[in-house]
PDB file of N, CA and C in Angstrom:
ATOM      1  N   MET A   1     -26.077-161.734  51.846  1.00  0.00           N
ATOM      2  CA  MET A   1     -26.531-162.860  51.049  1.00  0.00           C
ATOM      3  C   MET A   1     -25.578-164.026  51.316  1.00  0.00           C
ATOM      4  N   ARG A   2     -26.148-165.121  51.686  1.00  0.00           N
ATOM      5  CA  ARG A   2     -25.354-166.312  51.963  1.00  0.00           C
ATOM      6  C   ARG A   2     -25.116-167.078  50.667  1.00  0.00           C
ATOM      7  N   THR A   3     -23.934-167.656  50.541  1.00  0.00           N
ATOM      8  CA  THR A   3     -23.569-168.384  49.322  1.00  0.00           C
ATOM      9  C   THR A   3     -23.355-169.854  49.653  1.00  0.00           C
ATOM     10  N   TYR A   4     -23.899-170.711  48.790  1.00  0.00           N
ATOM     11  CA  TYR A   4     -23.768-172.159  48.934  1.00  0.00           C
ATOM     12  C   TYR A   4     -23.175-172.730  47.654  1.00  0.00           C
ATOM     13  N   ALA A   5     -22.341-173.734  47.813  1.00  0.00           N
ATOM     14  CA  ALA A   5     -21.951-174.528  46.646  1.00  0.00           C
ATOM     15  C   ALA A   5     -23.162-175.399  46.294  1.00  0.00           C
ATOM     16  N   LEU A   6     -23.256-175.829  45.052  1.00  0.00           N
ATOM     17  CA  LEU A   6     -24.422-176.585  44.603  1.00  0.00           C
ATOM     18  C   LEU A   6     -24.687-177.807  45.484  1.00  0.00           C
ATOM     19  N   HIS A   7     -23.638-178.564  45.821  1.00  0.00           N
ATOM     20  CA  HIS A   7     -23.866-179.761  46.635  1.00  0.00           C
ATOM     21  C   HIS A   7     -24.358-179.398  48.036  1.00  0.00           C
ATOM     22  N   GLN A   8     -23.922-178.247  48.576  1.00  0.00           N
ATOM     23  CA  GLN A   8     -24.413-177.800  49.886  1.00  0.00           C
ATOM     24  C   GLN A   8     -25.874-177.373  49.794  1.00  0.00           C
ATOM     25  N   ALA A   9     -26.213-176.666  48.720  1.00  0.00           N
ATOM     26  CA  ALA A   9     -27.589-176.201  48.550  1.00  0.00           C
ATOM     27  C   ALA A   9     -28.550-177.372  48.415  1.00  0.00           C
ATOM     28  N   ARG A  10     -28.105-178.435  47.744  1.00  0.00           N
ATOM     29  CA  ARG A  10     -28.955-179.624  47.606  1.00  0.00           C
ATOM     30  C   ARG A  10     -29.228-180.259  48.965  1.00  0.00           C
ATOM     31  N   SER A  11     -28.176-180.408  49.744  1.00  0.00           N
ATOM     32  CA  SER A  11     -28.348-181.092  51.024  1.00  0.00           C
ATOM     33  C   SER A  11     -29.071-180.226  52.054  1.00  0.00           C
ATOM     34  N   ALA A  12     -29.019-178.903  51.899  1.00  0.00           N
ATOM     35  CA  ALA A  12     -29.676-178.017  52.854  1.00  0.00           C
ATOM     36  C   ALA A  12     -30.774-177.200  52.170  1.00  0.00           C
ATOM     37  N   PHE A  13     -31.475-177.816  51.225  1.00  0.00           N
ATOM     38  CA  PHE A  13     -32.447-177.077  50.431  1.00  0.00           C
ATOM     39  C   PHE A  13     -33.538-176.445  51.285  1.00  0.00           C
ATOM     40  N   SER A  14     -34.018-177.130  52.298  1.00  0.00           N
ATOM     41  CA  SER A  14     -35.061-176.569  53.171  1.00  0.00           C
ATOM     42  C   SER A  14     -34.577-175.286  53.836  1.00  0.00           C
ATOM     43  N   GLU A  15     -33.334-175.286  54.277  1.00  0.00           N
ATOM     44  CA  GLU A  15     -32.764-174.093  54.914  1.00  0.00           C
ATOM     45  C   GLU A  15     -32.630-172.954  53.895  1.00  0.00           C
ATOM     46  N   VAL A  16     -32.143-173.271  52.702  1.00  0.00           N
ATOM     47  CA  VAL A  16     -31.999-172.273  51.642  1.00  0.00           C
ATOM     48  C   VAL A  16     -33.369-171.694  51.296  1.00  0.00           C
ATOM     49  N   PHE A  17     -34.338-172.567  51.162  1.00  0.00           N
ATOM     50  CA  PHE A  17     -35.706-172.183  50.825  1.00  0.00           C
ATOM     51  C   PHE A  17     -36.293-171.272  51.901  1.00  0.00           C
ATOM     52  N   ASP A  18     -36.153-171.670  53.166  1.00  0.00           N
ATOM     53  CA  ASP A  18     -36.711-170.893  54.274  1.00  0.00           C
ATOM     54  C   ASP A  18     -36.058-169.510  54.386  1.00  0.00           C
ATOM     55  N   ARG A  19     -34.754-169.446  54.192  1.00  0.00           N
ATOM     56  CA  ARG A  19     -34.061-168.155  54.245  1.00  0.00           C
ATOM     57  C   ARG A  19     -34.525-167.233  53.119  1.00  0.00           C
ATOM     58  N   ALA A  20     -34.724-167.798  51.933  1.00  0.00           N
ATOM     59  CA  ALA A  20     -35.209-167.000  50.804  1.00  0.00           C
ATOM     60  C   ALA A  20     -36.611-166.477  51.091  1.00  0.00           C
ATOM     61  N   LEU A  21     -37.481-167.325  51.663  1.00  0.00           N
ATOM     62  CA  LEU A  21     -38.831-166.887  52.025  1.00  0.00           C
ATOM     63  C   LEU A  21     -38.817-165.790  53.089  1.00  0.00           C
ATOM     64  N   ALA A  22     -37.818-165.815  53.944  1.00  0.00           N
ATOM     65  CA  ALA A  22     -37.693-164.811  55.002  1.00  0.00           C
ATOM     66  C   ALA A  22     -37.178-163.477  54.459  1.00  0.00           C
ATOM     67  N   GLY A  23     -36.878-163.416  53.162  1.00  0.00           N
ATOM     68  CA  GLY A  23     -36.460-162.159  52.562  1.00  0.00           C
ATOM     69  C   GLY A  23     -34.977-162.028  52.328  1.00  0.00           C
ATOM     70  N   GLU A  24     -34.222-163.084  52.560  1.00  0.00           N
ATOM     71  CA  GLU A  24     -32.772-163.042  52.350  1.00  0.00           C
ATOM     72  C   GLU A  24     -32.420-163.862  51.107  1.00  0.00           C
ATOM     73  N   PRO A  25     -32.046-163.213  50.015  1.00  0.00           N
ATOM     74  CA  PRO A  25     -31.677-163.966  48.811  1.00  0.00           C
ATOM     75  C   PRO A  25     -30.512-164.909  49.094  1.00  0.00           C
ATOM     76  N   GLN A  26     -30.512-166.058  48.431  1.00  0.00           N
ATOM     77  CA  GLN A  26     -29.484-167.075  48.632  1.00  0.00           C
ATOM     78  C   GLN A  26     -28.788-167.351  47.303  1.00  0.00           C
ATOM     79  N   ARG A  27     -27.459-167.261  47.285  1.00  0.00           N
ATOM     80  CA  ARG A  27     -26.693-167.499  46.062  1.00  0.00           C
ATOM     81  C   ARG A  27     -26.204-168.943  46.043  1.00  0.00           C
ATOM     82  N   VAL A  28     -26.299-169.577  44.877  1.00  0.00           N
ATOM     83  CA  VAL A  28     -25.794-170.940  44.693  1.00  0.00           C
ATOM     84  C   VAL A  28     -24.743-170.887  43.597  1.00  0.00           C
ATOM     85  N   THR A  29     -23.590-171.477  43.884  1.00  0.00           N
ATOM     86  CA  THR A  29     -22.502-171.488  42.903  1.00  0.00           C
ATOM     87  C   THR A  29     -22.355-172.880  42.309  1.00  0.00           C
ATOM     88  N   ARG A  30     -21.781-172.926  41.120  1.00  0.00           N
ATOM     89  CA  ARG A  30     -21.495-174.203  40.452  1.00  0.00           C
ATOM     90  C   ARG A  30     -20.073-174.120  39.937  1.00  0.00           C
ATOM     91  N   TYR A  31     -19.273-175.085  40.292  1.00  0.00           N
ATOM     92  CA  TYR A  31     -17.853-175.116  39.928  1.00  0.00           C
ATOM     93  C   TYR A  31     -17.138-173.838  40.367  1.00  0.00           C
ATOM     94  N   GLY A  32     -17.566-173.283  41.507  1.00  0.00           N
ATOM     95  CA  GLY A  32     -16.924-172.100  42.056  1.00  0.00           C
ATOM     96  C   GLY A  32     -17.346-170.784  41.421  1.00  0.00           C
ATOM     97  N   LYS A  33     -18.259-170.826  40.465  1.00  0.00           N
ATOM     98  CA  LYS A  33     -18.719-169.606  39.798  1.00  0.00           C
ATOM     99  C   LYS A  33     -20.169-169.338  40.172  1.00  0.00           C
ATOM    100  N   GLU A  34     -20.523-168.048  40.281  1.00  0.00           N
ATOM    101  CA  GLU A  34     -21.903-167.683  40.596  1.00  0.00           C
ATOM    102  C   GLU A  34     -22.831-168.245  39.539  1.00  0.00           C
ATOM    103  N   ALA A  35     -23.903-168.915  39.980  1.00  0.00           N
ATOM    104  CA  ALA A  35     -24.813-169.544  39.026  1.00  0.00           C
ATOM    105  C   ALA A  35     -26.227-168.993  39.147  1.00  0.00           C
ATOM    106  N   VAL A  36     -26.833-169.081  40.318  1.00  0.00           N
ATOM    107  CA  VAL A  36     -28.210-168.626  40.498  1.00  0.00           C
ATOM    108  C   VAL A  36     -28.366-167.952  41.852  1.00  0.00           C
ATOM    109  N   VAL A  37     -29.446-167.172  41.955  1.00  0.00           N
ATOM    110  CA  VAL A  37     -29.841-166.576  43.226  1.00  0.00           C
ATOM    111  C   VAL A  37     -31.287-166.995  43.470  1.00  0.00           C
ATOM    112  N   ILE A  38     -31.542-167.500  44.640  1.00  0.00           N
ATOM    113  CA  ILE A  38     -32.888-167.935  45.008  1.00  0.00           C
ATOM    114  C   ILE A  38     -33.514-166.830  45.849  1.00  0.00           C
ATOM    115  N   VAL A  39     -34.675-166.347  45.390  1.00  0.00           N
ATOM    116  CA  VAL A  39     -35.384-165.279  46.104  1.00  0.00           C
ATOM    117  C   VAL A  39     -36.842-165.685  46.272  1.00  0.00           C
ATOM    118  N   ALA A  40     -37.516-165.051  47.211  1.00  0.00           N
ATOM    119  CA  ALA A  40     -38.941-165.290  47.416  1.00  0.00           C
ATOM    120  C   ALA A  40     -39.724-164.720  46.243  1.00  0.00           C
ATOM    121  N   GLU A  41     -40.857-165.314  45.932  1.00  0.00           N
ATOM    122  CA  GLU A  41     -41.705-164.860  44.821  1.00  0.00           C
ATOM    123  C   GLU A  41     -42.085-163.391  44.977  1.00  0.00           C
ATOM    124  N   ALA A  42     -42.405-162.978  46.202  1.00  0.00           N
ATOM    125  CA  ALA A  42     -42.812-161.593  46.442  1.00  0.00           C
ATOM    126  C   ALA A  42     -41.700-160.606  46.094  1.00  0.00           C
ATOM    127  N   ASP A  43     -40.444-161.005  46.269  1.00  0.00           N
ATOM    128  CA  ASP A  43     -39.317-160.136  45.950  1.00  0.00           C
ATOM    129  C   ASP A  43     -38.969-160.176  44.463  1.00  0.00           C
ATOM    130  N   PHE A  44     -39.427-161.172  43.757  1.00  0.00           N
ATOM    131  CA  PHE A  44     -39.061-161.385  42.362  1.00  0.00           C
ATOM    132  C   PHE A  44     -40.003-160.718  41.370  1.00  0.00           C
ATOM    133  N   VAL A  45     -41.264-160.542  41.731  1.00  0.00           N
ATOM    134  CA  VAL A  45     -42.285-160.075  40.801  1.00  0.00           C
ATOM    135  C   VAL A  45     -41.844-158.754  40.172  1.00  0.00           C
ATOM    136  N   PRO A  46     -41.718-158.722  38.836  1.00  0.00           N
ATOM    137  CA  PRO A  46     -41.280-157.496  38.170  1.00  0.00           C
ATOM    138  C   PRO A  46     -42.388-156.437  38.188  1.00  0.00           C
ATOM    139  N   PRO A  47     -42.018-155.160  38.080  1.00  0.00           N
ATOM    140  CA  PRO A  47     -43.040-154.119  38.061  1.00  0.00           C
ATOM    141  C   PRO A  47     -43.891-154.229  36.802  1.00  0.00           C
ATOM    142  N   PRO A  48     -45.125-153.798  36.863  1.00  0.00           N
ATOM    143  CA  PRO A  48     -45.985-153.896  35.678  1.00  0.00           C
ATOM    144  C   PRO A  48     -45.439-153.044  34.546  1.00  0.00           C
ATOM    145  N   GLN A  49     -45.665-153.513  33.314  1.00  0.00           N
ATOM    146  CA  GLN A  49     -45.189-152.782  32.154  1.00  0.00           C
ATOM    147  C   GLN A  49     -46.091-151.594  31.883  1.00  0.00           C
ATOM    148  N   LYS A  50     -45.480-150.473  31.540  1.00  0.00           N
ATOM    149  CA  LYS A  50     -46.247-149.283  31.231  1.00  0.00           C
ATOM    150  C   LYS A  50     -46.886-149.409  29.855  1.00  0.00           C
ATOM    151  N   HIS A  51     -46.180-150.063  28.934  1.00  0.00           N
ATOM    152  CA  HIS A  51     -46.654-150.205  27.564  1.00  0.00           C
ATOM    153  C   HIS A  51     -46.883-151.681  27.269  1.00  0.00           C
ATOM    154  N   GLY A  52     -47.987-151.977  26.613  1.00  0.00           N
ATOM    155  CA  GLY A  52     -48.329-153.353  26.307  1.00  0.00           C
ATOM    156  C   GLY A  52     -47.580-153.922  25.119  1.00  0.00           C
ATOM    157  N   SER A  53     -47.080-153.049  24.238  1.00  0.00           N
ATOM    158  CA  SER A  53     -46.411-153.530  23.039  1.00  0.00           C
ATOM    159  C   SER A  53     -45.414-152.480  22.561  1.00  0.00           C
ATOM    160  N   LEU A  54     -44.607-152.857  21.594  1.00  0.00           N
ATOM    161  CA  LEU A  54     -43.656-151.919  21.013  1.00  0.00           C
ATOM    162  C   LEU A  54     -44.395-150.782  20.317  1.00  0.00           C
ATOM    163  N   GLY A  55     -45.511-151.112  19.658  1.00  0.00           N
ATOM    164  CA  GLY A  55     -46.299-150.081  18.997  1.00  0.00           C
ATOM    165  C   GLY A  55     -46.805-149.040  19.970  1.00  0.00           C
ATOM    166  N   ALA A  56     -47.287-149.480  21.137  1.00  0.00           N
ATOM    167  CA  ALA A  56     -47.771-148.554  22.161  1.00  0.00           C
ATOM    168  C   ALA A  56     -46.633-147.688  22.696  1.00  0.00           C
ATOM    169  N   LEU A  57     -45.470-148.275  22.848  1.00  0.00           N
ATOM    170  CA  LEU A  57     -44.305-147.529  23.310  1.00  0.00           C
ATOM    171  C   LEU A  57     -43.932-146.442  22.304  1.00  0.00           C
ATOM    172  N   LEU A  58     -43.878-146.792  21.011  1.00  0.00           N
ATOM    173  CA  LEU A  58     -43.531-145.815  19.984  1.00  0.00           C
ATOM    174  C   LEU A  58     -44.597-144.733  19.855  1.00  0.00           C
ATOM    175  N   ALA A  59     -45.861-145.099  19.976  1.00  0.00           N
ATOM    176  CA  ALA A  59     -46.938-144.112  19.912  1.00  0.00           C
ATOM    177  C   ALA A  59     -46.820-143.116  21.068  1.00  0.00           C
ATOM    178  N   ASP A  60     -46.523-143.600  22.249  1.00  0.00           N
ATOM    179  CA  ASP A  60     -46.340-142.726  23.401  1.00  0.00           C
ATOM    180  C   ASP A  60     -45.129-141.828  23.201  1.00  0.00           C
ATOM    181  N   PHE A  61     -44.076-142.382  22.641  1.00  0.00           N
ATOM    182  CA  PHE A  61     -42.854-141.637  22.349  1.00  0.00           C
ATOM    183  C   PHE A  61     -43.157-140.497  21.380  1.00  0.00           C
ATOM    184  N   ALA A  62     -43.961-140.768  20.355  1.00  0.00           N
ATOM    185  CA  ALA A  62     -44.326-139.759  19.366  1.00  0.00           C
ATOM    186  C   ALA A  62     -45.224-138.686  19.987  1.00  0.00           C
ATOM    187  N   ARG A  63     -46.157-139.084  20.852  1.00  0.00           N
ATOM    188  CA  ARG A  63     -47.045-138.114  21.513  1.00  0.00           C
ATOM    189  C   ARG A  63     -46.262-137.129  22.370  1.00  0.00           C
ATOM    190  N   GLN A  64     -45.153-137.575  22.904  1.00  0.00           N
ATOM    191  CA  GLN A  64     -44.330-136.707  23.745  1.00  0.00           C
ATOM    192  C   GLN A  64     -43.495-135.739  22.916  1.00  0.00           C
ATOM    193  N   GLY A  65     -43.575-135.844  21.590  1.00  0.00           N
ATOM    194  CA  GLY A  65     -42.851-134.929  20.716  1.00  0.00           C
ATOM    195  C   GLY A  65     -41.411-135.327  20.478  1.00  0.00           C
ATOM    196  N   ALA A  66     -41.069-136.557  20.740  1.00  0.00           N
ATOM    197  CA  ALA A  66     -39.688-136.997  20.616  1.00  0.00           C
ATOM    198  C   ALA A  66     -39.213-137.049  19.171  1.00  0.00           C
ATOM    199  N   PHE A  67     -40.149-137.182  18.216  1.00  0.00           N
ATOM    200  CA  PHE A  67     -39.759-137.230  16.810  1.00  0.00           C
ATOM    201  C   PHE A  67     -39.788-135.849  16.154  1.00  0.00           C
ATOM    202  N   ALA A  68     -40.064-134.801  16.918  1.00  0.00           N
ATOM    203  CA  ALA A  68     -40.232-133.464  16.353  1.00  0.00           C
ATOM    204  C   ALA A  68     -38.972-132.954  15.662  1.00  0.00           C
ATOM    205  N   ASP A  69     -37.801-133.314  16.159  1.00  0.00           N
ATOM    206  CA  ASP A  69     -36.564-132.796  15.575  1.00  0.00           C
ATOM    207  C   ASP A  69     -36.017-133.662  14.439  1.00  0.00           C
ATOM    208  N   VAL A  70     -36.704-134.718  14.074  1.00  0.00           N
ATOM    209  CA  VAL A  70     -36.259-135.595  13.000  1.00  0.00           C
ATOM    210  C   VAL A  70     -36.843-135.105  11.683  1.00  0.00           C
ATOM    211  N   ASP A  71     -35.997-134.960  10.678  1.00  0.00           N
ATOM    212  CA  ASP A  71     -36.430-134.472   9.370  1.00  0.00           C
ATOM    213  C   ASP A  71     -36.773-135.662   8.486  1.00  0.00           C
ATOM    214  N   PHE A  72     -38.064-135.810   8.174  1.00  0.00           N
ATOM    215  CA  PHE A  72     -38.517-136.907   7.337  1.00  0.00           C
ATOM    216  C   PHE A  72     -38.807-136.458   5.905  1.00  0.00           C
ATOM    217  N   SER A  73     -38.326-135.302   5.515  1.00  0.00           N
ATOM    218  CA  SER A  73     -38.625-134.793   4.179  1.00  0.00           C
ATOM    219  C   SER A  73     -37.957-135.663   3.109  1.00  0.00           C
ATOM    220  N   GLU A  74     -38.593-135.702   1.931  1.00  0.00           N
ATOM    221  CA  GLU A  74     -38.126-136.584   0.868  1.00  0.00           C
ATOM    222  C   GLU A  74     -36.803-136.143   0.258  1.00  0.00           C
ATOM    223  N   ASP A  75     -36.460-134.850   0.351  1.00  0.00           N
ATOM    224  CA  ASP A  75     -35.211-134.405  -0.242  1.00  0.00           C
ATOM    225  C   ASP A  75     -33.992-134.961   0.502  1.00  0.00           C
ATOM    226  N   LYS A  76     -34.192-135.476   1.698  1.00  0.00           N
ATOM    227  CA  LYS A  76     -33.102-136.089   2.456  1.00  0.00           C
ATOM    228  C   LYS A  76     -32.858-137.541   2.030  1.00  0.00           C
ATOM    229  N   ILE A  77     -33.845-138.121   1.345  1.00  0.00           N
ATOM    230  CA  ILE A  77     -33.738-139.516   0.934  1.00  0.00           C
ATOM    231  C   ILE A  77     -33.250-139.554  -0.511  1.00  0.00           C
ATOM    232  N   ARG A  78     -32.149-140.229  -0.757  1.00  0.00           N
ATOM    233  CA  ARG A  78     -31.583-140.343  -2.094  1.00  0.00           C
ATOM    234  C   ARG A  78     -31.656-141.781  -2.541  1.00  0.00           C
ATOM    235  N   GLN A  79     -32.216-141.994  -3.695  1.00  0.00           N
ATOM    236  CA  GLN A  79     -32.270-143.346  -4.231  1.00  0.00           C
ATOM    237  C   GLN A  79     -31.075-143.513  -5.164  1.00  0.00           C
ATOM    238  N   THR A  80     -30.173-144.419  -4.828  1.00  0.00           N
ATOM    239  CA  THR A  80     -28.947-144.569  -5.608  1.00  0.00           C
ATOM    240  C   THR A  80     -29.070-145.615  -6.699  1.00  0.00           C
ATOM    241  N   ARG A  81     -30.024-146.494  -6.607  1.00  0.00           N
ATOM    242  CA  ARG A  81     -30.234-147.490  -7.662  1.00  0.00           C
ATOM    243  C   ARG A  81     -31.719-147.791  -7.759  1.00  0.00           C
ATOM    244  N   GLN A  82     -32.101-148.342  -8.886  1.00  0.00           N
ATOM    245  CA  GLN A  82     -33.505-148.620  -9.141  1.00  0.00           C
ATOM    246  C   GLN A  82     -34.017-149.670  -8.164  1.00  0.00           C
ATOM    247  N   LEU A  83     -35.208-149.436  -7.666  1.00  0.00           N
ATOM    248  CA  LEU A  83     -35.829-150.357  -6.741  1.00  0.00           C
ATOM    249  C   LEU A  83     -35.995-151.739  -7.387  1.00  0.00           C
ATOM    250  N   GLY A  84     -35.529-152.761  -6.751  1.00  0.00           N
ATOM    251  CA  GLY A  84     -35.637-154.130  -7.268  1.00  0.00           C
ATOM    252  C   GLY A  84     -34.494-154.530  -8.166  1.00  0.00           C
ATOM    253  N   SER A  85     -33.516-153.657  -8.355  1.00  0.00           N
ATOM    254  CA  SER A  85     -32.417-153.964  -9.280  1.00  0.00           C
ATOM    255  C   SER A  85     -31.557-155.125  -8.795  1.00  0.00           C
ATOM    256  N   ASP A  86     -31.611-155.440  -7.512  1.00  0.00           N
ATOM    257  CA  ASP A  86     -30.840-156.579  -6.993  1.00  0.00           C
ATOM    258  C   ASP A  86     -31.353-157.903  -7.539  1.00  0.00           C
ATOM    259  N   PHE A  87     -32.604-157.923  -7.990  1.00  0.00           N
ATOM    260  CA  PHE A  87     -33.200-159.171  -8.452  1.00  0.00           C
ATOM    261  C   PHE A  87     -33.319-159.263  -9.951  1.00  0.00           C
ATOM    262  N   MET A  88     -32.911-158.225 -10.643  1.00  0.00           N
ATOM    263  CA  MET A  88     -32.994-158.231 -12.107  1.00  0.00           C
ATOM    264  C   MET A  88     -31.735-158.795 -12.714  1.00  0.00           C
ATOM    265  N   ASP A  89     -31.871-159.408 -13.894  1.00  0.00           N
ATOM    266  CA  ASP A  89     -30.689-159.959 -14.605  1.00  0.00           C
ATOM    267  C   ASP A  89     -30.009-158.914 -15.429  1.00  0.00           C
TER     268      ASP A  89
END
């Protein structure tokens, strides 16, 4: 991966762009620190998500039996103060 300072990348943007399209990511630094990496769109596209939402993810997790060892019985839940007591005078 070739590295350019920001001012170099600006002046040679066509070269940076062409190299990225050719499949070679290009790093651009700012004030001597790594700032961005320029890559081709084809290399950037993230893999499709398996689950459309958090709910779908949790439902799939439950179908796999992942919650089987969790005890949800009421005797494990202890109420230490009356519900809503934080708002009462």
